[in-house]
Protein backbone atom coordinates (compact mmCIF):
# COMPACT_ATOMS: atom_id res chain seq x y z
CA MET A 1 148.04 109.17 -46.03
CA VAL A 2 149.49 106.29 -47.94
CA LYS A 3 147.74 103.81 -45.70
CA LYS A 4 144.41 105.59 -46.15
CA GLY A 5 144.85 105.54 -49.92
CA CYS A 6 145.67 101.88 -49.81
CA ARG A 7 142.57 101.19 -47.78
CA LYS A 8 140.41 103.00 -50.33
CA ILE A 9 141.95 101.09 -53.20
CA PHE A 10 141.53 97.84 -51.29
CA ALA A 11 137.90 98.68 -50.54
CA ILE A 12 137.27 99.49 -54.18
CA LEU A 13 138.92 96.26 -55.26
CA LEU A 14 136.64 94.37 -52.91
CA LEU A 15 133.58 96.30 -54.02
CA VAL A 16 134.08 95.84 -57.76
CA PRO A 17 133.62 92.05 -57.74
CA VAL A 18 130.60 92.43 -55.51
CA LEU A 19 129.04 95.00 -57.81
CA LEU A 20 129.93 92.88 -60.82
CA ALA A 21 128.32 89.86 -59.19
CA VAL A 22 125.19 91.88 -58.45
CA VAL A 23 125.04 93.12 -62.04
CA LEU A 24 125.56 89.61 -63.39
CA MET A 25 122.92 88.17 -61.08
CA ALA A 26 120.48 90.89 -62.07
CA GLY A 27 121.25 90.28 -65.73
CA TYR A 28 120.87 86.53 -65.28
CA TYR A 29 117.56 87.00 -63.48
CA GLN A 30 116.36 89.38 -66.19
CA LEU A 31 117.42 86.96 -68.94
CA ARG A 32 115.82 84.08 -67.08
CA GLN A 33 112.55 85.96 -66.73
CA PHE A 34 112.65 86.98 -70.38
CA SER A 35 113.41 83.47 -71.59
CA VAL A 36 110.58 81.64 -69.82
CA SER A 37 107.85 84.30 -69.72
CA PRO A 38 104.99 84.08 -72.23
CA MET A 39 105.23 86.70 -74.96
CA ALA A 40 102.20 88.84 -74.20
CA SER A 41 102.74 90.98 -77.30
CA LEU A 42 101.75 88.13 -79.61
CA PRO A 43 98.19 88.28 -80.99
CA GLN A 44 95.65 86.00 -79.35
CA GLN A 45 95.19 84.18 -82.64
CA GLU A 46 98.02 81.89 -83.75
CA GLY A 47 100.39 83.51 -86.19
CA TYR A 48 103.24 82.17 -88.30
CA LEU A 49 106.90 82.97 -88.85
CA LEU A 50 108.56 81.96 -92.10
CA VAL A 51 112.33 81.43 -91.83
CA GLU A 52 113.82 81.13 -95.29
CA ARG A 53 117.08 79.50 -96.26
CA GLY A 54 119.95 81.94 -95.80
CA ASP A 55 118.16 84.09 -93.21
CA SER A 56 120.56 85.40 -90.56
CA PHE A 57 119.58 85.51 -86.90
CA ARG A 58 119.07 89.27 -87.18
CA THR A 59 116.82 88.75 -90.22
CA MET A 60 114.77 86.20 -88.30
CA LEU A 61 114.57 88.58 -85.34
CA GLY A 62 113.39 91.35 -87.65
CA LYS A 63 110.58 89.08 -88.89
CA LEU A 64 109.64 88.38 -85.28
CA ARG A 65 109.38 92.09 -84.63
CA GLN A 66 107.21 92.49 -87.73
CA ALA A 67 104.97 89.73 -86.37
CA GLY A 68 104.37 91.85 -83.28
CA VAL A 69 106.95 90.51 -80.80
CA ARG A 70 108.11 93.30 -78.49
CA GLU A 71 109.70 91.29 -75.69
CA GLY A 72 113.44 91.36 -75.08
CA GLN A 73 116.34 93.37 -76.39
CA ASP A 74 118.16 92.01 -79.42
CA TRP A 75 121.18 91.12 -77.24
CA GLN A 76 118.91 89.08 -74.97
CA TRP A 77 117.61 87.10 -77.93
CA MET A 78 121.16 86.50 -79.16
CA LEU A 79 122.39 85.44 -75.72
CA LEU A 80 119.39 83.16 -75.28
CA ALA A 81 120.08 81.61 -78.70
CA ARG A 82 123.58 80.71 -77.50
CA ARG A 83 122.23 79.30 -74.24
CA THR A 84 119.67 77.11 -76.01
CA GLY A 85 122.07 75.96 -78.73
CA ALA A 86 119.97 77.69 -81.39
CA ALA A 87 122.70 80.09 -82.49
CA GLY A 88 123.62 79.19 -86.06
CA LYS A 89 121.29 76.16 -85.98
CA ILE A 90 117.87 77.63 -86.67
CA GLN A 91 116.27 75.59 -89.45
CA ALA A 92 114.38 77.04 -92.38
CA GLY A 93 110.64 76.56 -92.39
CA GLU A 94 107.33 77.88 -91.13
CA TYR A 95 106.82 78.09 -87.37
CA ALA A 96 103.65 78.60 -85.37
CA LEU A 97 103.66 81.64 -83.08
CA THR A 98 101.36 80.09 -80.52
CA PRO A 99 99.78 82.51 -78.03
CA GLY A 100 101.59 82.19 -74.71
CA ILE A 101 104.80 80.71 -76.13
CA SER A 102 108.03 81.82 -74.45
CA PRO A 103 111.18 83.02 -76.25
CA GLN A 104 113.07 79.93 -75.06
CA ALA A 105 110.37 77.56 -76.31
CA LEU A 106 110.26 79.34 -79.67
CA LEU A 107 114.03 79.23 -80.19
CA THR A 108 114.12 75.57 -79.16
CA LYS A 109 111.36 74.82 -81.67
CA MET A 110 113.31 76.56 -84.45
CA ARG A 111 116.54 74.83 -83.45
CA ASP A 112 114.82 71.43 -83.66
CA GLY A 113 113.03 72.25 -86.92
CA LYS A 114 109.54 71.68 -85.52
CA VAL A 115 107.87 73.41 -88.42
CA VAL A 116 104.16 73.68 -89.17
CA ARG A 117 102.96 70.49 -90.87
CA TYR A 118 100.03 70.53 -93.27
CA GLN A 119 97.90 67.50 -94.09
CA PHE A 120 96.64 66.16 -97.39
CA THR A 121 94.20 63.27 -97.35
CA LEU A 122 93.61 60.87 -100.23
CA VAL A 123 90.16 59.32 -99.86
CA GLU A 124 89.23 55.73 -100.67
CA GLY A 125 87.33 55.54 -103.94
CA TRP A 126 88.73 58.73 -105.42
CA SER A 127 89.64 58.75 -109.10
CA MET A 128 92.83 60.36 -110.40
CA ARG A 129 90.73 63.33 -111.43
CA ASP A 130 89.59 63.72 -107.81
CA VAL A 131 93.20 63.48 -106.63
CA ARG A 132 94.35 66.25 -108.95
CA ARG A 133 91.50 68.55 -107.94
CA ALA A 134 92.28 68.03 -104.25
CA LEU A 135 95.99 68.69 -104.79
CA GLN A 136 95.18 72.03 -106.38
CA ARG A 137 93.18 73.00 -103.28
CA ALA A 138 95.92 72.02 -100.81
CA PRO A 139 97.30 75.10 -99.01
CA HIS A 140 100.96 76.11 -99.38
CA LEU A 141 101.73 73.21 -101.73
CA GLN A 142 103.76 74.06 -104.82
CA GLN A 143 101.78 73.13 -107.92
CA GLN A 144 104.52 71.68 -110.10
CA GLY A 145 102.27 69.07 -111.70
CA ALA A 146 99.05 71.04 -112.06
CA LYS A 147 99.47 71.68 -115.79
CA MET A 148 100.99 68.29 -116.62
CA SER A 149 99.08 65.54 -118.36
CA ASP A 150 98.62 62.30 -116.44
CA ALA A 151 101.45 60.75 -118.47
CA GLU A 152 103.77 63.67 -117.72
CA LEU A 153 102.84 63.54 -114.06
CA MET A 154 103.66 59.84 -113.77
CA ALA A 155 106.99 60.45 -115.49
CA ALA A 156 107.70 63.28 -113.03
CA ILE A 157 107.26 60.94 -110.06
CA GLY A 158 109.55 58.39 -111.67
CA GLN A 159 106.92 56.04 -113.13
CA PRO A 160 106.92 56.71 -116.90
CA GLY A 161 104.36 54.77 -118.90
CA GLU A 162 102.32 53.77 -115.86
CA HIS A 163 98.58 54.45 -115.76
CA PRO A 164 97.88 56.63 -112.68
CA GLU A 165 94.47 55.27 -111.70
CA GLY A 166 94.53 53.45 -108.37
CA ARG A 167 98.30 53.85 -107.94
CA PHE A 168 98.19 56.03 -104.81
CA LEU A 169 97.37 54.78 -101.33
CA PRO A 170 94.42 56.53 -99.65
CA GLU A 171 95.92 57.93 -96.47
CA THR A 172 96.75 61.25 -94.79
CA TYR A 173 100.12 62.67 -95.81
CA GLN A 174 101.91 65.50 -94.03
CA TYR A 175 103.93 68.13 -95.82
CA ASN A 176 105.72 71.42 -95.14
CA ARG A 177 105.03 74.79 -96.70
CA GLY A 178 106.85 74.86 -100.02
CA ASP A 179 106.76 71.10 -100.64
CA SER A 180 105.46 70.15 -104.09
CA ASP A 181 102.49 68.12 -105.24
CA ILE A 182 105.01 65.84 -106.97
CA SER A 183 106.70 65.02 -103.65
CA VAL A 184 103.37 64.13 -102.03
CA LEU A 185 102.41 61.88 -104.95
CA LYS A 186 105.78 60.15 -104.83
CA ARG A 187 105.16 59.18 -101.21
CA ALA A 188 101.59 58.08 -101.92
CA HIS A 189 102.76 55.96 -104.86
CA ALA A 190 105.51 54.34 -102.80
CA ALA A 191 103.01 53.62 -100.02
CA MET A 192 100.61 51.90 -102.44
CA SER A 193 103.41 49.89 -104.08
CA LYS A 194 104.58 48.66 -100.68
CA THR A 195 101.08 47.86 -99.45
CA LEU A 196 100.07 46.12 -102.68
CA ASP A 197 103.20 43.97 -102.61
CA GLU A 198 102.55 42.96 -98.99
CA VAL A 199 98.92 42.08 -99.72
CA TRP A 200 99.87 40.15 -102.87
CA GLN A 201 102.39 38.07 -100.98
CA THR A 202 99.74 36.97 -98.45
CA ARG A 203 96.83 36.43 -100.90
CA GLU A 204 94.65 33.34 -100.83
CA PRO A 205 95.95 30.57 -103.10
CA GLY A 206 94.05 29.80 -106.28
CA LEU A 207 92.71 33.28 -107.00
CA PRO A 208 91.96 34.00 -110.69
CA LEU A 209 94.36 36.96 -110.52
CA LYS A 210 97.68 36.69 -112.33
CA THR A 211 99.43 39.86 -111.15
CA PRO A 212 99.37 42.41 -108.32
CA TYR A 213 97.93 44.87 -110.85
CA GLU A 214 94.91 42.62 -111.40
CA LEU A 215 94.42 42.47 -107.63
CA LEU A 216 94.60 46.28 -107.53
CA THR A 217 91.99 46.47 -110.28
CA LEU A 218 89.61 44.10 -108.52
CA ALA A 219 90.10 45.95 -105.23
CA SER A 220 89.18 49.22 -106.92
CA ILE A 221 85.88 47.71 -108.08
CA VAL A 222 85.15 46.43 -104.57
CA GLU A 223 85.92 49.91 -103.23
CA LYS A 224 83.37 51.52 -105.54
CA GLU A 225 80.70 48.87 -104.97
CA THR A 226 80.40 49.29 -101.19
CA GLY A 227 81.40 51.50 -98.31
CA LEU A 228 80.54 48.84 -95.74
CA ALA A 229 83.52 47.06 -94.24
CA ASP A 230 81.64 43.83 -93.56
CA GLU A 231 80.49 43.52 -97.20
CA ARG A 232 83.79 44.03 -99.00
CA ALA A 233 84.97 40.43 -98.75
CA GLN A 234 81.51 39.16 -99.75
CA ILE A 235 81.44 41.33 -102.85
CA ALA A 236 85.00 40.33 -103.70
CA GLY A 237 83.87 36.72 -103.35
CA VAL A 238 81.07 37.25 -105.90
CA PHE A 239 83.50 38.70 -108.44
CA VAL A 240 86.11 36.00 -107.86
CA ARG A 241 83.52 33.25 -108.38
CA ARG A 242 82.31 34.95 -111.56
CA LEU A 243 85.87 35.12 -112.88
CA ASN A 244 86.39 31.47 -112.00
CA VAL A 245 83.35 30.28 -113.95
CA GLY A 246 83.76 32.69 -116.88
CA MET A 247 80.85 35.00 -116.06
CA ARG A 248 81.06 38.67 -116.88
CA LEU A 249 81.46 40.90 -113.82
CA GLU A 250 78.57 43.18 -114.86
CA THR A 251 79.46 45.87 -112.34
CA ASP A 252 78.08 49.35 -112.96
CA PRO A 253 80.99 51.35 -111.44
CA THR A 254 83.28 50.22 -114.26
CA ILE A 255 80.75 51.39 -116.84
CA ILE A 256 80.40 54.74 -115.10
CA TYR A 257 84.18 55.12 -115.05
CA GLY A 258 84.35 54.36 -118.76
CA LEU A 259 81.79 57.06 -119.52
CA GLY A 260 84.18 59.73 -118.26
CA ASP A 261 82.81 63.23 -118.89
CA ALA A 262 79.65 61.76 -120.43
CA TRP A 263 78.51 60.55 -117.00
CA ASN A 264 75.83 62.91 -115.65
CA GLY A 265 74.61 60.87 -112.69
CA ASP A 266 72.01 58.91 -114.66
CA LEU A 267 73.00 55.42 -115.82
CA THR A 268 70.78 54.45 -118.74
CA TRP A 269 70.16 51.18 -120.55
CA ALA A 270 71.93 52.70 -123.54
CA HIS A 271 75.04 53.12 -121.39
CA LEU A 272 74.79 49.52 -120.22
CA ARG A 273 74.56 48.20 -123.79
CA THR A 274 77.27 50.37 -125.35
CA ASP A 275 80.43 48.31 -125.67
CA GLY A 276 83.73 49.67 -124.41
CA PRO A 277 86.85 48.54 -122.54
CA TYR A 278 85.28 49.34 -119.16
CA ASN A 279 81.85 47.87 -119.89
CA THR A 280 81.93 44.67 -117.84
CA ARG A 281 78.42 43.81 -119.02
CA THR A 282 79.63 43.40 -122.61
CA ARG A 283 83.20 42.26 -121.97
CA ALA A 284 84.54 39.39 -119.91
CA GLY A 285 87.22 39.68 -117.28
CA LEU A 286 88.59 42.68 -115.46
CA PRO A 287 88.70 46.16 -116.99
CA PRO A 288 92.10 47.27 -118.35
CA THR A 289 92.95 49.48 -115.35
CA PRO A 290 91.72 50.18 -111.83
CA ILE A 291 88.77 52.56 -111.69
CA ALA A 292 89.61 54.27 -108.38
CA MET A 293 91.98 54.20 -105.42
CA PRO A 294 91.22 51.21 -103.20
CA GLY A 295 91.95 51.42 -99.50
CA ARG A 296 93.76 48.79 -97.46
CA ASP A 297 90.50 47.03 -96.55
CA SER A 298 89.45 46.62 -100.18
CA LEU A 299 92.91 45.33 -101.09
CA GLN A 300 92.63 42.76 -98.31
CA ALA A 301 89.11 41.83 -99.44
CA ALA A 302 90.31 41.20 -102.99
CA ALA A 303 93.19 39.09 -101.68
CA HIS A 304 91.00 37.22 -99.18
CA PRO A 305 87.47 37.02 -100.63
CA ALA A 306 84.75 35.47 -98.50
CA ALA A 307 83.81 31.89 -99.26
CA GLY A 308 80.28 31.20 -100.46
CA ASP A 309 78.15 30.43 -103.49
CA ALA A 310 76.59 33.83 -104.29
CA LEU A 311 77.00 35.02 -107.87
CA PHE A 312 74.75 38.08 -107.73
CA PHE A 313 74.12 41.06 -105.47
CA VAL A 314 71.95 44.15 -105.54
CA ALA A 315 71.46 47.08 -103.19
CA VAL A 316 68.71 46.74 -100.58
CA GLY A 317 67.54 50.23 -101.49
CA ASP A 318 66.58 51.34 -97.98
CA GLY A 319 69.34 53.89 -97.56
CA SER A 320 71.51 51.58 -95.46
CA GLY A 321 74.00 50.95 -98.25
CA ARG A 322 73.67 47.22 -97.71
CA SER A 323 73.33 44.56 -100.40
CA ARG A 324 71.37 41.34 -100.86
CA PHE A 325 73.30 38.37 -102.22
CA ALA A 326 71.91 35.52 -104.30
CA ARG A 327 73.13 32.19 -105.68
CA THR A 328 70.68 31.93 -108.56
CA TYR A 329 69.39 34.40 -111.10
CA ALA A 330 65.78 33.74 -110.02
CA GLU A 331 66.63 34.63 -106.43
CA HIS A 332 68.50 37.68 -107.66
CA GLN A 333 65.46 38.85 -109.62
CA ARG A 334 63.38 38.71 -106.43
CA ASN A 335 66.02 40.83 -104.71
CA VAL A 336 65.92 43.33 -107.58
CA ALA A 337 62.13 43.55 -107.25
CA ALA A 338 62.50 44.22 -103.52
CA TYR A 339 65.09 46.88 -104.27
CA LEU A 340 62.77 48.64 -106.71
CA ALA A 341 59.89 48.48 -104.23
CA ASN A 342 62.05 50.07 -101.55
CA ARG A 343 63.11 52.80 -103.95
CA ARG A 344 59.51 53.52 -104.94
CA ALA A 345 58.49 53.68 -101.30
CA ALA A 346 61.36 56.03 -100.47
CA GLN A 347 61.16 58.33 -103.48
CA SER A 348 57.79 57.62 -105.07
CA THR A 349 59.70 57.28 -108.32
CA ALA A 350 61.15 54.10 -109.77
CA MET A 351 64.94 54.28 -110.14
CA PRO A 352 67.16 52.01 -112.28
CA ALA A 353 68.63 49.24 -110.16
CA THR A 354 72.33 49.23 -109.38
CA GLU A 355 73.10 45.56 -109.62
CA SER A 356 75.42 42.84 -110.67
CA SER A 357 73.03 41.26 -113.18
CA ARG A 358 72.61 38.11 -115.21
CA PRO A 359 75.57 36.37 -116.90
């Protein structure tokens, strides 16, 4: 009887490890299938999961359940988090719940902090007013500077006393949910400062520009005068030659900028004759500040103007955006007449010429 009892015990002792191995293998297989299988319970449209600072794993898991995730038991999620190294290392932020994503891929994404990134684009030729309007429309961006004056805003980004116009580099900037408008502007300001310094260091010798700020100002005028890449250096060349010989710049975009809220889209002769700091028809030299944000190409054009003898230019007026350049005022007047004829033909109504006029 003793021997039979021993055999039973021995058989049980042999069977337990086998059963345990089977259970472990089944559990491993189940966990493996859970970890790599797409989560079918997620909506077909991409959703988002916001993990806030201080959220525990269970809190995060509760948010997943609220988002519609039904796959896996809580213990499976916790075990998978340990396997992927995500346990205790999930980073705060907003994560995309992409249709078809697996639990393992999602936990890995949260471990690595691959949060949703939003984009904010500053466009060449924008004024500071345009920048501020666009910032207020940017999704999920904290509006810390929305109610600040321009002076307060510049102080908030660490540039007290600096005029904001033209100080931000037109580019696309990425940000996370919860970042502030101030943080985006800091990066854009740093990018412009770096770019302007690099361009200034490589400028053509002998330019009538004493400081990087004057180069920035000239580049902003070039930016507003043309959207054509192959004309920027030519237009910069006209302005540089005018500065060299003491001619007024006579560029309408500076006058329009100086009008501010009074600008209604119609530039009149009264506007052209009214003196002011930005009226380059009545005042010599550059205006006191940039009039817009110049892009890299306009900065390069101001630093490397095209050689030539043209002192005037006027729009062709055919809708192409191109300009005609002239060395003499008489030639320029013929170009203005051609411009007006093109405008009459296109609109059947004479329009005031946009030109760089007589000295």
